[in-house]
């Protein structure tokens, strides 16, 4: 999964970004589908005593968004990734369970004036 970081008043060291990339591996496996790599955009911001994290991932014409806030930056990221993972599972389940099946042919669906041989009952 390709992860892009935008920090507003927050800078990440390479070691921290490596830990965060490992955090996104599980979500990346859920969203990849073998059709290329999924991408995520992470916005990190800091307000007074709170660190806010917003993660946006485009998936099947939907945008999955996970948000988290916590005084500790990594706890905020874990919360946002957890919410994103729940959304991904829910959307993936909808796509998996909504497969189309052929319509069953029943006797009621045939026209009442025709028999099985194709002749009309009047003669």
N, C-alpha and C. Protein backbone atom coordinates (compact mmCIF):
# COMPACT_ATOMS: atom_id res chain seq x y z
N UNK A 1 0.84 -1.17 0.00
CA UNK A 1 0.00 0.00 0.00
C UNK A 1 0.89 1.23 0.00
N UNK A 2 0.59 2.15 -0.89
CA UNK A 2 1.34 3.40 -0.96
C UNK A 2 0.71 4.40 0.00
N UNK A 3 1.51 4.89 0.90
CA UNK A 3 1.03 5.81 1.93
C UNK A 3 1.70 7.16 1.73
N UNK A 4 0.90 8.22 1.64
CA UNK A 4 1.41 9.57 1.50
C UNK A 4 1.07 10.34 2.77
N UNK A 5 2.05 11.00 3.33
CA UNK A 5 1.86 11.73 4.57
C UNK A 5 1.87 13.23 4.31
N UNK A 6 0.95 13.93 4.95
CA UNK A 6 0.95 15.38 4.96
C UNK A 6 0.92 15.80 6.42
N UNK A 7 1.94 16.51 6.86
CA UNK A 7 2.01 16.91 8.25
C UNK A 7 1.75 18.40 8.39
N UNK A 8 0.76 18.74 9.17
CA UNK A 8 0.49 20.14 9.50
C UNK A 8 1.02 20.38 10.90
N UNK A 9 2.14 21.06 11.00
CA UNK A 9 2.83 21.31 12.27
C UNK A 9 3.33 20.01 12.90
N UNK A 10 3.45 18.94 12.12
CA UNK A 10 3.94 17.66 12.62
C UNK A 10 4.96 17.12 11.61
N UNK A 11 6.12 16.74 12.07
CA UNK A 11 7.12 16.13 11.22
C UNK A 11 7.39 14.71 11.70
N UNK A 12 7.54 13.80 10.74
CA UNK A 12 7.82 12.40 11.07
C UNK A 12 9.25 12.06 10.69
N UNK A 13 9.90 11.32 11.56
CA UNK A 13 11.23 10.83 11.22
C UNK A 13 11.07 9.59 10.34
N UNK A 14 12.11 9.19 9.64
CA UNK A 14 12.01 7.98 8.81
C UNK A 14 11.66 6.72 9.60
N UNK A 15 12.12 6.63 10.85
CA UNK A 15 11.80 5.47 11.68
C UNK A 15 10.30 5.44 12.01
N UNK A 16 9.73 6.62 12.30
CA UNK A 16 8.30 6.70 12.60
C UNK A 16 7.47 6.37 11.37
N UNK A 17 7.86 6.88 10.21
CA UNK A 17 7.09 6.59 8.99
C UNK A 17 7.19 5.11 8.63
N UNK A 18 8.30 4.46 8.95
CA UNK A 18 8.44 3.02 8.73
C UNK A 18 7.48 2.23 9.60
N UNK A 19 7.31 2.64 10.87
CA UNK A 19 6.37 1.98 11.77
C UNK A 19 4.93 2.15 11.26
N UNK A 20 4.63 3.32 10.76
CA UNK A 20 3.28 3.59 10.27
C UNK A 20 2.98 2.82 8.99
N UNK A 21 3.98 2.65 8.15
CA UNK A 21 3.79 1.87 6.93
C UNK A 21 3.48 0.42 7.28
N UNK A 22 4.13 -0.11 8.30
CA UNK A 22 3.85 -1.47 8.75
C UNK A 22 2.43 -1.57 9.29
N UNK A 23 1.92 -0.51 9.89
CA UNK A 23 0.55 -0.48 10.42
C UNK A 23 -0.47 -0.59 9.28
N UNK A 24 -0.13 -0.04 8.14
CA UNK A 24 -1.06 -0.03 7.01
C UNK A 24 -1.03 -1.31 6.17
N UNK A 25 -0.13 -2.23 6.47
CA UNK A 25 -0.02 -3.44 5.67
C UNK A 25 -1.30 -4.28 5.69
N UNK A 26 -1.92 -4.44 6.85
CA UNK A 26 -3.13 -5.26 6.95
C UNK A 26 -4.27 -4.65 6.16
N UNK A 27 -4.43 -3.34 6.28
CA UNK A 27 -5.49 -2.66 5.52
C UNK A 27 -5.18 -2.73 4.03
N UNK A 28 -3.91 -2.65 3.69
CA UNK A 28 -3.51 -2.74 2.28
C UNK A 28 -3.86 -4.09 1.67
N UNK A 29 -3.72 -5.15 2.44
CA UNK A 29 -4.08 -6.48 1.94
C UNK A 29 -5.58 -6.59 1.72
N UNK A 30 -6.38 -5.94 2.57
CA UNK A 30 -7.83 -5.96 2.41
C UNK A 30 -8.28 -5.22 1.16
N UNK A 31 -7.62 -4.13 0.86
CA UNK A 31 -8.08 -3.23 -0.20
C UNK A 31 -7.40 -3.44 -1.54
N UNK A 32 -6.37 -4.26 -1.61
CA UNK A 32 -5.57 -4.37 -2.83
C UNK A 32 -6.30 -5.08 -3.95
N UNK A 33 -6.91 -6.24 -3.70
CA UNK A 33 -7.64 -7.05 -4.68
C UNK A 33 -6.80 -7.51 -5.85
N UNK A 34 -5.49 -7.40 -5.79
CA UNK A 34 -4.64 -7.87 -6.88
C UNK A 34 -4.72 -7.02 -8.13
N UNK A 35 -5.34 -5.86 -8.07
CA UNK A 35 -5.52 -5.01 -9.25
C UNK A 35 -4.59 -3.80 -9.18
N UNK A 36 -3.48 -3.91 -8.53
CA UNK A 36 -2.59 -2.79 -8.36
C UNK A 36 -2.58 -2.37 -6.91
N UNK A 37 -1.70 -1.49 -6.60
CA UNK A 37 -1.57 -1.10 -5.20
C UNK A 37 -2.60 -0.05 -4.82
N UNK A 38 -3.15 -0.20 -3.65
CA UNK A 38 -4.07 0.80 -3.10
C UNK A 38 -3.22 1.93 -2.52
N UNK A 39 -3.80 3.10 -2.45
CA UNK A 39 -3.09 4.25 -1.93
C UNK A 39 -3.85 4.87 -0.78
N UNK A 40 -3.12 5.45 0.15
CA UNK A 40 -3.74 6.11 1.29
C UNK A 40 -3.09 7.48 1.47
N UNK A 41 -3.92 8.43 1.86
CA UNK A 41 -3.40 9.77 2.14
C UNK A 41 -3.66 10.06 3.62
N UNK A 42 -2.59 10.33 4.35
CA UNK A 42 -2.67 10.55 5.79
C UNK A 42 -2.36 12.01 6.08
N UNK A 43 -3.30 12.67 6.78
CA UNK A 43 -3.10 14.06 7.19
C UNK A 43 -2.92 14.08 8.69
N UNK A 44 -1.77 14.56 9.13
CA UNK A 44 -1.46 14.66 10.56
C UNK A 44 -1.49 16.13 10.96
N UNK A 45 -2.23 16.44 12.02
CA UNK A 45 -2.28 17.82 12.50
C UNK A 45 -2.23 17.82 14.03
N UNK A 46 -1.84 18.96 14.56
CA UNK A 46 -1.69 19.09 16.01
C UNK A 46 -2.41 20.35 16.47
N UNK A 47 -3.35 20.20 17.42
CA UNK A 47 -4.07 21.33 17.99
C UNK A 47 -3.94 21.27 19.50
N UNK A 48 -3.37 22.27 20.07
CA UNK A 48 -3.15 22.36 21.52
C UNK A 48 -2.57 21.07 22.08
N UNK A 49 -3.38 20.24 22.70
CA UNK A 49 -2.88 19.01 23.30
C UNK A 49 -3.30 17.77 22.53
N UNK A 50 -4.01 17.92 21.40
CA UNK A 50 -4.50 16.76 20.64
C UNK A 50 -3.77 16.61 19.32
N UNK A 51 -3.50 15.38 18.96
CA UNK A 51 -3.01 15.05 17.63
C UNK A 51 -4.18 14.48 16.86
N UNK A 52 -4.47 15.05 15.71
CA UNK A 52 -5.57 14.59 14.86
C UNK A 52 -5.01 13.90 13.63
N UNK A 53 -5.61 12.79 13.27
CA UNK A 53 -5.19 12.02 12.10
C UNK A 53 -6.41 11.76 11.24
N UNK A 54 -6.27 12.01 9.94
CA UNK A 54 -7.33 11.70 8.99
C UNK A 54 -6.71 10.88 7.86
N UNK A 55 -7.27 9.71 7.62
CA UNK A 55 -6.77 8.81 6.58
C UNK A 55 -7.85 8.65 5.52
N UNK A 56 -7.50 8.89 4.27
CA UNK A 56 -8.45 8.78 3.16
C UNK A 56 -7.92 7.75 2.17
N UNK A 57 -8.78 6.77 1.83
CA UNK A 57 -8.41 5.73 0.88
C UNK A 57 -9.52 5.60 -0.16
N UNK A 58 -9.22 5.81 -1.45
CA UNK A 58 -10.25 5.56 -2.47
C UNK A 58 -10.38 4.06 -2.74
N UNK A 59 -11.63 3.57 -2.79
CA UNK A 59 -11.86 2.13 -2.98
C UNK A 59 -13.21 1.92 -3.65
N UNK A 60 -13.23 1.35 -4.83
CA UNK A 60 -14.46 1.04 -5.57
C UNK A 60 -15.44 2.21 -5.58
N UNK A 61 -14.99 3.35 -6.07
CA UNK A 61 -15.82 4.55 -6.18
C UNK A 61 -16.34 5.04 -4.84
N UNK A 62 -15.72 4.65 -3.74
CA UNK A 62 -16.04 5.13 -2.41
C UNK A 62 -14.76 5.73 -1.84
N UNK A 63 -14.92 6.63 -0.91
CA UNK A 63 -13.76 7.09 -0.16
C UNK A 63 -13.93 6.62 1.27
N UNK A 64 -13.02 5.79 1.70
CA UNK A 64 -13.03 5.33 3.08
C UNK A 64 -12.23 6.32 3.91
N UNK A 65 -12.82 6.81 4.98
CA UNK A 65 -12.17 7.83 5.79
C UNK A 65 -12.14 7.37 7.24
N UNK A 66 -10.96 7.37 7.82
CA UNK A 66 -10.79 7.05 9.23
C UNK A 66 -10.18 8.23 9.95
N UNK A 67 -10.78 8.62 11.05
CA UNK A 67 -10.28 9.76 11.82
C UNK A 67 -10.00 9.33 13.25
N UNK A 68 -8.96 9.89 13.81
CA UNK A 68 -8.63 9.59 15.19
C UNK A 68 -7.98 10.79 15.87
N UNK A 69 -8.25 10.94 17.15
CA UNK A 69 -7.66 12.03 17.94
C UNK A 69 -7.19 11.47 19.27
N UNK A 70 -6.00 11.89 19.68
CA UNK A 70 -5.44 11.45 20.95
C UNK A 70 -4.25 12.34 21.28
N UNK A 71 -3.94 12.50 22.56
CA UNK A 71 -2.72 13.26 22.89
C UNK A 71 -1.45 12.61 22.34
N UNK A 72 -1.44 11.29 22.25
CA UNK A 72 -0.30 10.58 21.68
C UNK A 72 -0.54 10.35 20.19
N UNK A 73 0.44 10.69 19.37
CA UNK A 73 0.29 10.60 17.91
C UNK A 73 0.04 9.18 17.45
N UNK A 74 0.78 8.21 17.98
CA UNK A 74 0.62 6.84 17.51
C UNK A 74 -0.70 6.22 17.94
N UNK A 75 -1.22 6.60 19.10
CA UNK A 75 -2.54 6.11 19.50
C UNK A 75 -3.62 6.68 18.59
N UNK A 76 -3.47 7.92 18.17
CA UNK A 76 -4.42 8.52 17.23
C UNK A 76 -4.38 7.80 15.88
N UNK A 77 -3.19 7.45 15.44
CA UNK A 77 -3.05 6.74 14.17
C UNK A 77 -3.64 5.34 14.27
N UNK A 78 -3.41 4.65 15.38
CA UNK A 78 -3.98 3.31 15.57
C UNK A 78 -5.50 3.35 15.57
N UNK A 79 -6.07 4.39 16.20
CA UNK A 79 -7.53 4.52 16.22
C UNK A 79 -8.08 4.76 14.81
N UNK A 80 -7.41 5.61 14.04
CA UNK A 80 -7.86 5.91 12.68
C UNK A 80 -7.74 4.68 11.78
N UNK A 81 -6.65 3.94 11.93
CA UNK A 81 -6.46 2.73 11.12
C UNK A 81 -7.50 1.67 11.49
N UNK A 82 -7.85 1.57 12.77
CA UNK A 82 -8.88 0.62 13.20
C UNK A 82 -10.23 0.95 12.58
N UNK A 83 -10.59 2.22 12.56
CA UNK A 83 -11.85 2.63 11.95
C UNK A 83 -11.84 2.36 10.44
N UNK A 84 -10.70 2.63 9.82
CA UNK A 84 -10.57 2.40 8.39
C UNK A 84 -10.67 0.91 8.07
N UNK A 85 -10.11 0.07 8.92
CA UNK A 85 -10.16 -1.38 8.72
C UNK A 85 -11.60 -1.89 8.82
N UNK A 86 -12.37 -1.37 9.77
CA UNK A 86 -13.78 -1.77 9.90
C UNK A 86 -14.57 -1.37 8.66
N UNK A 87 -14.33 -0.16 8.16
CA UNK A 87 -15.02 0.28 6.94
C UNK A 87 -14.65 -0.59 5.75
N UNK A 88 -13.37 -0.93 5.64
CA UNK A 88 -12.92 -1.75 4.52
C UNK A 88 -13.57 -3.13 4.56
N UNK A 89 -13.66 -3.72 5.75
CA UNK A 89 -14.31 -5.03 5.87
C UNK A 89 -15.79 -4.95 5.49
N UNK A 90 -16.46 -3.88 5.90
CA UNK A 90 -17.88 -3.72 5.61
C UNK A 90 -18.12 -3.55 4.11
N UNK A 91 -17.33 -2.70 3.46
CA UNK A 91 -17.50 -2.46 2.03
C UNK A 91 -17.13 -3.71 1.24
N UNK A 92 -16.08 -4.38 1.65
CA UNK A 92 -15.65 -5.59 0.95
C UNK A 92 -16.70 -6.69 1.07
N UNK A 93 -17.34 -6.79 2.24
CA UNK A 93 -18.41 -7.77 2.44
C UNK A 93 -19.60 -7.47 1.54
N UNK A 94 -19.94 -6.20 1.39
CA UNK A 94 -21.04 -5.83 0.50
C UNK A 94 -20.74 -6.21 -0.94
N UNK A 95 -19.51 -5.96 -1.38
CA UNK A 95 -19.13 -6.32 -2.75
C UNK A 95 -19.13 -7.83 -2.92
N UNK A 96 -18.69 -8.56 -1.92
CA UNK A 96 -18.61 -10.01 -2.01
C UNK A 96 -19.99 -10.65 -2.01
N UNK A 97 -20.90 -10.15 -1.18
CA UNK A 97 -22.20 -10.78 -1.01
C UNK A 97 -23.23 -10.33 -2.05
N UNK A 98 -22.95 -9.32 -2.82
CA UNK A 98 -23.94 -8.83 -3.77
C UNK A 98 -23.70 -9.36 -5.18
N UNK A 99 -23.24 -10.59 -5.28
CA UNK A 99 -23.03 -11.17 -6.60
C UNK A 99 -24.37 -11.48 -7.24
N UNK A 100 -24.45 -11.27 -8.52
CA UNK A 100 -25.70 -11.50 -9.22
C UNK A 100 -25.84 -12.98 -9.56
N UNK A 101 -27.05 -13.48 -9.47
CA UNK A 101 -27.33 -14.87 -9.80
C UNK A 101 -28.38 -14.89 -10.90
N UNK A 102 -28.40 -15.92 -11.73
CA UNK A 102 -29.42 -15.98 -12.78
C UNK A 102 -30.81 -16.15 -12.20
N UNK A 103 -31.78 -15.64 -12.91
CA UNK A 103 -33.16 -15.73 -12.47
C UNK A 103 -33.65 -17.16 -12.65
N UNK A 104 -34.34 -17.68 -11.66
CA UNK A 104 -34.87 -19.03 -11.75
C UNK A 104 -36.12 -19.03 -12.62
N UNK A 105 -36.20 -20.02 -13.50
CA UNK A 105 -37.38 -20.13 -14.34
C UNK A 105 -38.45 -20.91 -13.59
N UNK A 106 -39.64 -20.36 -13.53
CA UNK A 106 -40.75 -21.02 -12.85
C UNK A 106 -41.91 -21.17 -13.82
N UNK A 107 -42.88 -22.02 -13.46
CA UNK A 107 -44.05 -22.21 -14.31
C UNK A 107 -44.91 -20.95 -14.34
N UNK A 108 -44.90 -20.18 -13.30
CA UNK A 108 -45.70 -18.96 -13.24
C UNK A 108 -45.16 -17.89 -14.18
N UNK A 109 -43.90 -18.01 -14.56
CA UNK A 109 -43.33 -16.98 -15.42
C UNK A 109 -43.72 -17.18 -16.88
N UNK A 110 -44.15 -18.38 -17.27
CA UNK A 110 -44.58 -18.59 -18.65
C UNK A 110 -45.98 -18.00 -18.84
N UNK A 111 -46.30 -17.67 -20.07
CA UNK A 111 -47.60 -17.07 -20.35
C UNK A 111 -48.69 -18.11 -20.15
N UNK A 112 -49.85 -17.72 -19.62
CA UNK A 112 -50.90 -18.69 -19.30
C UNK A 112 -51.57 -19.28 -20.54
N UNK A 113 -51.48 -18.68 -21.69
CA UNK A 113 -52.16 -19.18 -22.88
C UNK A 113 -51.37 -20.19 -23.67
N UNK A 114 -50.16 -20.51 -23.28
CA UNK A 114 -49.33 -21.43 -24.06
C UNK A 114 -49.06 -22.72 -23.27
N UNK A 115 -49.00 -23.83 -23.97
CA UNK A 115 -48.62 -25.09 -23.33
C UNK A 115 -47.14 -25.31 -23.59
N UNK A 116 -46.62 -26.45 -23.14
CA UNK A 116 -45.20 -26.72 -23.28
C UNK A 116 -44.80 -26.94 -24.73
N UNK A 117 -45.73 -27.40 -25.59
CA UNK A 117 -45.38 -27.64 -26.99
C UNK A 117 -45.43 -26.37 -27.81
N UNK A 118 -45.94 -25.29 -27.25
CA UNK A 118 -45.97 -24.03 -27.97
C UNK A 118 -47.29 -23.82 -28.69
N UNK A 119 -48.24 -24.74 -28.56
CA UNK A 119 -49.53 -24.56 -29.22
C UNK A 119 -50.50 -23.90 -28.27
N UNK A 120 -51.44 -23.21 -28.81
CA UNK A 120 -52.44 -22.59 -27.96
C UNK A 120 -53.46 -23.64 -27.56
N UNK A 121 -54.13 -23.51 -26.40
CA UNK A 121 -55.05 -24.53 -25.91
C UNK A 121 -56.36 -24.56 -26.71
N UNK A 122 -56.65 -23.57 -27.53
CA UNK A 122 -57.91 -23.56 -28.28
C UNK A 122 -57.84 -24.44 -29.51
N UNK A 123 -56.76 -24.79 -29.96
CA UNK A 123 -56.78 -25.73 -31.05
C UNK A 123 -55.72 -25.54 -31.96
